[in-house]
Amino acid sequence: IEVRPLNHYLGIAGPDDKSLGVENNIESLAENLDGRGFETDTVSEASWDDVDSRLERLDHATEEESSTFIMYTGHGDYSGNMSLEDRNVDPGEFIDRVDDLDGEKVMVIDQCFAGTFADYEVPLDMTIYMASGPDAKTQGNSRIAGEKRTRYAGRVVEAIESEHGKVDMDDVHDKVASVSQVAINNPAKKGRGAGLSSIK
């Protein structure tokens, strides 16, 4: 009998031509969530085919009781599109593709103009946490936990790593947004809110 994990994590790092530390964000979080019983997968310098193939795998792995946590960290263009290796991906296209997964979906979007994701209809079982408003760039990077990470996603990772047991993502987002250099970006949330449960 195959027993599949109920919790899944997909970390997506776009091209990092400015050495922002986007790969550090997704790898550090993968390591932490793996220890909490999540099935984890990451992709760096991601193309749309890379992302879509991993989402296809999750299509077959998720069920109604599943929770899937997706973090995208990378560039975003002035229209709020995700800047992947081979093309820009419209927020609506990404939301629709992730909505194909069963169960609860939690997304952290760490890119410039991330707030554009809030302009799209979000299903009841999806919550999106965004690093900036629709008209704002993100604030670069800093050294967090001894390594270079982007300011928003890096602090999200740091906050999750400091929690034991269930993590309330609304609290994590609010804590990160209260950091002065991040708050000027107007971090936003759309959806009902979500928690990440540990599997003992």
C-alpha atoms as a PDB file:
ATOM      1  CA  ILE A   1       0.000   0.000   0.000  1.00  0.00           C
ATOM      2  CA  GLU A   2       1.416   3.365  -0.993  1.00  0.00           C
ATOM      3  CA  VAL A   3       1.081   5.971   1.749  1.00  0.00           C
ATOM      4  CA  ARG A   4       1.302   9.484   0.340  1.00  0.00           C
ATOM      5  CA  PRO A   5       2.128  12.518   2.488  1.00  0.00           C
ATOM      6  CA  LEU A   6      -0.800  14.867   2.914  1.00  0.00           C
ATOM      7  CA  ASN A   7       1.392  17.972   3.017  1.00  0.00           C
ATOM      8  CA  HIS A   8       3.405  19.123   0.028  1.00  0.00           C
ATOM      9  CA  TYR A   9       5.840  21.978  -0.594  1.00  0.00           C
ATOM     10  CA  LEU A  10       7.020  23.312  -3.936  1.00  0.00           C
ATOM     11  CA  GLY A  11       9.712  25.986  -3.897  1.00  0.00           C
ATOM     12  CA  ILE A  12      10.183  27.880  -7.168  1.00  0.00           C
ATOM     13  CA  ALA A  13      13.142  30.206  -7.725  1.00  0.00           C
ATOM     14  CA  GLY A  14      13.187  32.280 -10.870  1.00  0.00           C
ATOM     15  CA  PRO A  15      16.362  33.472 -12.597  1.00  0.00           C
ATOM     16  CA  ASP A  16      18.624  35.184 -10.061  1.00  0.00           C
ATOM     17  CA  ASP A  17      20.699  37.488 -12.257  1.00  0.00           C
ATOM     18  CA  LYS A  18      21.060  40.007  -9.415  1.00  0.00           C
ATOM     19  CA  SER A  19      22.230  37.435  -6.831  1.00  0.00           C
ATOM     20  CA  LEU A  20      19.268  38.102  -4.558  1.00  0.00           C
ATOM     21  CA  GLY A  21      19.502  34.767  -2.774  1.00  0.00           C
ATOM     22  CA  VAL A  22      16.224  33.357  -4.094  1.00  0.00           C
ATOM     23  CA  GLU A  23      17.557  29.795  -4.109  1.00  0.00           C
ATOM     24  CA  ASN A  24      18.520  30.128  -0.435  1.00  0.00           C
ATOM     25  CA  ASN A  25      14.885  30.988   0.364  1.00  0.00           C
ATOM     26  CA  ILE A  26      13.385  27.887  -1.204  1.00  0.00           C
ATOM     27  CA  GLU A  27      16.098  25.420  -0.144  1.00  0.00           C
ATOM     28  CA  SER A  28      16.116  26.535   3.485  1.00  0.00           C
ATOM     29  CA  LEU A  29      12.335  26.252   3.705  1.00  0.00           C
ATOM     30  CA  ALA A  30      12.405  22.828   2.026  1.00  0.00           C
ATOM     31  CA  GLU A  31      14.834  21.588   4.649  1.00  0.00           C
ATOM     32  CA  ASN A  32      12.627  22.895   7.466  1.00  0.00           C
ATOM     33  CA  LEU A  33       9.357  21.538   6.063  1.00  0.00           C
ATOM     34  CA  ASP A  34      10.923  18.182   5.229  1.00  0.00           C
ATOM     35  CA  GLY A  35      11.567  17.837   8.963  1.00  0.00           C
ATOM     36  CA  ARG A  36       7.887  18.530   9.596  1.00  0.00           C
ATOM     37  CA  GLY A  37       6.682  15.689   7.382  1.00  0.00           C
ATOM     38  CA  PHE A  38       6.132  17.610   4.144  1.00  0.00           C
ATOM     39  CA  GLU A  39       7.007  16.055   0.819  1.00  0.00           C
ATOM     40  CA  THR A  40       9.260  18.754  -0.646  1.00  0.00           C
ATOM     41  CA  ASP A  41      10.437  19.695  -4.123  1.00  0.00           C
ATOM     42  CA  THR A  42      12.352  22.726  -5.379  1.00  0.00           C
ATOM     43  CA  VAL A  43      13.330  24.119  -8.755  1.00  0.00           C
ATOM     44  CA  SER A  44      15.847  26.904  -9.431  1.00  0.00           C
ATOM     45  CA  GLU A  45      16.270  29.001 -12.570  1.00  0.00           C
ATOM     46  CA  ALA A  46      12.762  27.722 -13.268  1.00  0.00           C
ATOM     47  CA  SER A  47      11.122  27.586 -16.674  1.00  0.00           C
ATOM     48  CA  TRP A  48       7.357  27.220 -17.101  1.00  0.00           C
ATOM     49  CA  ASP A  49       7.877  23.607 -18.194  1.00  0.00           C
ATOM     50  CA  ASP A  50       9.799  22.943 -14.942  1.00  0.00           C
ATOM     51  CA  VAL A  51       6.981  24.410 -12.877  1.00  0.00           C
ATOM     52  CA  ASP A  52       4.166  22.785 -14.840  1.00  0.00           C
ATOM     53  CA  SER A  53       5.767  19.313 -14.651  1.00  0.00           C
ATOM     54  CA  ARG A  54       6.078  19.612 -10.866  1.00  0.00           C
ATOM     55  CA  LEU A  55       2.478  20.774 -10.584  1.00  0.00           C
ATOM     56  CA  GLU A  56       1.483  17.794 -12.737  1.00  0.00           C
ATOM     57  CA  ARG A  57       3.133  15.488 -10.190  1.00  0.00           C
ATOM     58  CA  LEU A  58       1.237  17.245  -7.417  1.00  0.00           C
ATOM     59  CA  ASP A  59      -2.009  16.756  -9.385  1.00  0.00           C
ATOM     60  CA  HIS A  60      -1.542  13.023  -8.819  1.00  0.00           C
ATOM     61  CA  ALA A  61      -0.293  13.308  -5.228  1.00  0.00           C
ATOM     62  CA  THR A  62      -2.844  15.660  -3.651  1.00  0.00           C
ATOM     63  CA  GLU A  63      -6.273  14.788  -2.295  1.00  0.00           C
ATOM     64  CA  GLU A  64      -9.037  16.696  -0.507  1.00  0.00           C
ATOM     65  CA  GLU A  65      -7.231  16.480   2.866  1.00  0.00           C
ATOM     66  CA  SER A  66      -3.929  17.690   1.404  1.00  0.00           C
ATOM     67  CA  SER A  67      -2.230  21.015   2.050  1.00  0.00           C
ATOM     68  CA  THR A  68       0.126  22.352  -0.606  1.00  0.00           C
ATOM     69  CA  PHE A  69       2.489  25.229   0.153  1.00  0.00           C
ATOM     70  CA  ILE A  70       4.057  26.949  -2.862  1.00  0.00           C
ATOM     71  CA  MET A  71       6.664  29.684  -2.656  1.00  0.00           C
ATOM     72  CA  TYR A  72       7.731  31.658  -5.720  1.00  0.00           C
ATOM     73  CA  THR A  73      10.692  33.942  -5.224  1.00  0.00           C
ATOM     74  CA  GLY A  74      12.175  35.801  -8.157  1.00  0.00           C
ATOM     75  CA  HIS A  75      11.504  38.691 -10.499  1.00  0.00           C
ATOM     76  CA  GLY A  76       8.122  40.086 -11.430  1.00  0.00           C
ATOM     77  CA  ASP A  77       7.464  42.480 -14.305  1.00  0.00           C
ATOM     78  CA  TYR A  78       5.471  45.731 -14.187  1.00  0.00           C
ATOM     79  CA  SER A  79       2.256  43.817 -14.985  1.00  0.00           C
ATOM     80  CA  GLY A  80       2.797  41.487 -12.021  1.00  0.00           C
ATOM     81  CA  ASN A  81       3.764  38.521 -14.197  1.00  0.00           C
ATOM     82  CA  MET A  82       6.194  35.954 -12.789  1.00  0.00           C
ATOM     83  CA  SER A  83       9.476  36.202 -14.711  1.00  0.00           C
ATOM     84  CA  LEU A  84      10.572  32.636 -15.351  1.00  0.00           C
ATOM     85  CA  GLU A  85      13.546  31.427 -17.395  1.00  0.00           C
ATOM     86  CA  ASP A  86      11.624  31.018 -20.656  1.00  0.00           C
ATOM     87  CA  ARG A  87       8.644  33.357 -20.341  1.00  0.00           C
ATOM     88  CA  ASN A  88       6.533  35.572 -18.114  1.00  0.00           C
ATOM     89  CA  VAL A  89       3.554  33.875 -16.473  1.00  0.00           C
ATOM     90  CA  ASP A  90       0.358  35.829 -15.851  1.00  0.00           C
ATOM     91  CA  PRO A  91      -0.907  35.641 -12.228  1.00  0.00           C
ATOM     92  CA  GLY A  92      -4.316  34.392 -13.428  1.00  0.00           C
ATOM     93  CA  GLU A  93      -2.701  31.554 -15.366  1.00  0.00           C
ATOM     94  CA  PHE A  94      -0.646  30.534 -12.337  1.00  0.00           C
ATOM     95  CA  ILE A  95      -3.644  30.695  -9.970  1.00  0.00           C
ATOM     96  CA  ASP A  96      -5.745  28.604 -12.378  1.00  0.00           C
ATOM     97  CA  ARG A  97      -2.986  25.999 -12.715  1.00  0.00           C
ATOM     98  CA  VAL A  98      -2.471  25.705  -8.950  1.00  0.00           C
ATOM     99  CA  ASP A  99      -6.242  25.484  -8.453  1.00  0.00           C
ATOM    100  CA  ASP A 100      -6.145  22.132 -10.312  1.00  0.00           C
ATOM    101  CA  LEU A 101      -4.568  20.624  -7.176  1.00  0.00           C
ATOM    102  CA  ASP A 102      -6.861  19.049  -4.595  1.00  0.00           C
ATOM    103  CA  GLY A 103      -7.022  20.319  -1.023  1.00  0.00           C
ATOM    104  CA  GLU A 104      -5.843  23.555   0.546  1.00  0.00           C
ATOM    105  CA  LYS A 105      -3.343  25.708  -1.347  1.00  0.00           C
ATOM    106  CA  VAL A 106      -1.102  28.327   0.290  1.00  0.00           C
ATOM    107  CA  MET A 107       1.122  30.507  -1.903  1.00  0.00           C
ATOM    108  CA  VAL A 108       3.829  33.008  -1.014  1.00  0.00           C
ATOM    109  CA  ILE A 109       4.651  35.284  -3.953  1.00  0.00           C
ATOM    110  CA  ASP A 110       7.897  37.189  -3.430  1.00  0.00           C
ATOM    111  CA  GLN A 111       8.432  39.388  -6.478  1.00  0.00           C
ATOM    112  CA  CYS A 112       8.058  42.999  -7.507  1.00  0.00           C
ATOM    113  CA  PHE A 113       4.424  43.991  -8.135  1.00  0.00           C
ATOM    114  CA  ALA A 114       3.236  40.804  -6.378  1.00  0.00           C
ATOM    115  CA  GLY A 115       0.044  42.554  -5.266  1.00  0.00           C
ATOM    116  CA  THR A 116      -1.273  42.149  -8.804  1.00  0.00           C
ATOM    117  CA  PHE A 117      -2.205  38.596  -7.735  1.00  0.00           C
ATOM    118  CA  ALA A 118      -4.915  40.179  -5.547  1.00  0.00           C
ATOM    119  CA  ASP A 119      -6.684  41.424  -8.686  1.00  0.00           C
ATOM    120  CA  TYR A 120      -7.636  37.846  -9.570  1.00  0.00           C
ATOM    121  CA  GLU A 121     -10.381  35.676  -8.131  1.00  0.00           C
ATOM    122  CA  VAL A 122      -8.980  33.243  -5.603  1.00  0.00           C
ATOM    123  CA  PRO A 123     -10.789  29.965  -4.827  1.00  0.00           C
ATOM    124  CA  LEU A 124     -12.010  29.370  -1.269  1.00  0.00           C
ATOM    125  CA  ASP A 125      -9.327  26.743  -0.648  1.00  0.00           C
ATOM    126  CA  MET A 126      -6.442  29.063  -1.656  1.00  0.00           C
ATOM    127  CA  THR A 127      -4.637  31.820   0.240  1.00  0.00           C
ATOM    128  CA  ILE A 128      -1.980  34.022  -1.358  1.00  0.00           C
ATOM    129  CA  TYR A 129       0.569  36.049   0.628  1.00  0.00           C
ATOM    130  CA  MET A 130       2.239  38.747  -1.468  1.00  0.00           C
ATOM    131  CA  ALA A 131       5.524  40.567  -0.806  1.00  0.00           C
ATOM    132  CA  SER A 132       4.359  43.897  -2.177  1.00  0.00           C
ATOM    133  CA  GLY A 133       1.430  45.875  -3.435  1.00  0.00           C
ATOM    134  CA  PRO A 134       0.527  45.964  -7.138  1.00  0.00           C
ATOM    135  CA  ASP A 135       2.527  49.163  -7.669  1.00  0.00           C
ATOM    136  CA  ALA A 136       5.546  48.398  -5.505  1.00  0.00           C
ATOM    137  CA  LYS A 137       8.919  46.801  -5.999  1.00  0.00           C
ATOM    138  CA  THR A 138      10.335  44.574  -3.288  1.00  0.00           C
ATOM    139  CA  GLN A 139      13.228  45.734  -1.165  1.00  0.00           C
ATOM    140  CA  GLY A 140      16.100  43.548  -2.319  1.00  0.00           C
ATOM    141  CA  ASN A 141      17.896  41.259   0.097  1.00  0.00           C
ATOM    142  CA  SER A 142      19.748  41.049   3.371  1.00  0.00           C
ATOM    143  CA  ARG A 143      21.672  38.503   5.423  1.00  0.00           C
ATOM    144  CA  ILE A 144      19.132  36.413   7.308  1.00  0.00           C
ATOM    145  CA  ALA A 145      20.158  33.383   9.362  1.00  0.00           C
ATOM    146  CA  GLY A 146      23.715  33.797   8.083  1.00  0.00           C
ATOM    147  CA  GLU A 147      22.927  33.672   4.369  1.00  0.00           C
ATOM    148  CA  LYS A 148      21.734  36.020   1.659  1.00  0.00           C
ATOM    149  CA  ARG A 149      17.935  35.897   1.243  1.00  0.00           C
ATOM    150  CA  THR A 150      15.334  38.217  -0.204  1.00  0.00           C
ATOM    151  CA  ARG A 151      13.803  40.382   2.501  1.00  0.00           C
ATOM    152  CA  TYR A 152      10.183  39.214   2.359  1.00  0.00           C
ATOM    153  CA  ALA A 153      10.537  35.488   1.603  1.00  0.00           C
ATOM    154  CA  GLY A 154      13.700  35.293   3.686  1.00  0.00           C
ATOM    155  CA  ARG A 155      11.850  36.624   6.712  1.00  0.00           C
ATOM    156  CA  VAL A 156       8.871  34.338   6.016  1.00  0.00           C
ATOM    157  CA  VAL A 157      11.268  31.387   6.035  1.00  0.00           C
ATOM    158  CA  GLU A 158      12.930  32.655   9.219  1.00  0.00           C
ATOM    159  CA  ALA A 159       9.546  33.035  10.953  1.00  0.00           C
ATOM    160  CA  ILE A 160       8.416  29.536   9.944  1.00  0.00           C
ATOM    161  CA  GLU A 161      11.738  28.062  11.076  1.00  0.00           C
ATOM    162  CA  SER A 162      11.310  29.653  14.513  1.00  0.00           C
ATOM    163  CA  GLU A 163       7.885  28.030  15.041  1.00  0.00           C
ATOM    164  CA  HIS A 164       7.301  24.559  16.434  1.00  0.00           C
ATOM    165  CA  GLY A 165       4.121  22.647  15.709  1.00  0.00           C
ATOM    166  CA  LYS A 166       1.395  24.382  13.718  1.00  0.00           C
ATOM    167  CA  VAL A 167       2.360  27.605  11.962  1.00  0.00           C
ATOM    168  CA  ASP A 168      -0.293  30.301  11.509  1.00  0.00           C
ATOM    169  CA  MET A 169       0.592  31.891   8.160  1.00  0.00           C
ATOM    170  CA  ASP A 170      -1.460  35.017   8.928  1.00  0.00           C
ATOM    171  CA  ASP A 171       0.731  35.601  12.003  1.00  0.00           C
ATOM    172  CA  VAL A 172       3.874  34.956   9.955  1.00  0.00           C
ATOM    173  CA  HIS A 173       2.752  37.413   7.258  1.00  0.00           C
ATOM    174  CA  ASP A 174       1.788  40.094   9.810  1.00  0.00           C
ATOM    175  CA  LYS A 175       5.088  39.660  11.652  1.00  0.00           C
ATOM    176  CA  VAL A 176       7.087  40.010   8.437  1.00  0.00           C
ATOM    177  CA  ALA A 177       4.993  42.967   7.244  1.00  0.00           C
ATOM    178  CA  SER A 178       5.707  44.801  10.508  1.00  0.00           C
ATOM    179  CA  VAL A 179       9.427  44.913   9.729  1.00  0.00           C
ATOM    180  CA  SER A 180       9.861  48.516   8.611  1.00  0.00           C
ATOM    181  CA  GLN A 181      11.880  47.898   5.446  1.00  0.00           C
ATOM    182  CA  VAL A 182       9.313  45.378   4.256  1.00  0.00           C
ATOM    183  CA  ALA A 183       6.156  47.217   5.313  1.00  0.00           C
ATOM    184  CA  ILE A 184       6.769  50.087   2.886  1.00  0.00           C
ATOM    185  CA  ASN A 185       6.041  47.605   0.099  1.00  0.00           C
ATOM    186  CA  ASN A 186       2.483  47.103   1.412  1.00  0.00           C
ATOM    187  CA  PRO A 187       2.586  43.312   1.703  1.00  0.00           C
ATOM    188  CA  ALA A 188      -0.872  41.903   1.063  1.00  0.00           C
ATOM    189  CA  LYS A 189      -2.956  38.792   1.612  1.00  0.00           C
ATOM    190  CA  LYS A 190      -5.894  37.410  -0.332  1.00  0.00           C
ATOM    191  CA  GLY A 191      -7.954  34.475   0.863  1.00  0.00           C
ATOM    192  CA  ARG A 192      -9.276  33.209   4.159  1.00  0.00           C
ATOM    193  CA  GLY A 193      -5.917  32.617   5.856  1.00  0.00           C
ATOM    194  CA  ALA A 194      -4.107  29.385   6.408  1.00  0.00           C
ATOM    195  CA  GLY A 195      -2.006  27.314   8.766  1.00  0.00           C
ATOM    196  CA  LEU A 196       0.759  24.836   8.072  1.00  0.00           C
ATOM    197  CA  SER A 197       0.406  21.758  10.253  1.00  0.00           C
ATOM    198  CA  SER A 198       3.269  19.573  11.353  1.00  0.00           C
ATOM    199  CA  ILE A 199       2.954  15.861  10.838  1.00  0.00           C
ATOM    200  CA  LYS A 200       4.330  14.056  13.889  1.00  0.00           C
END
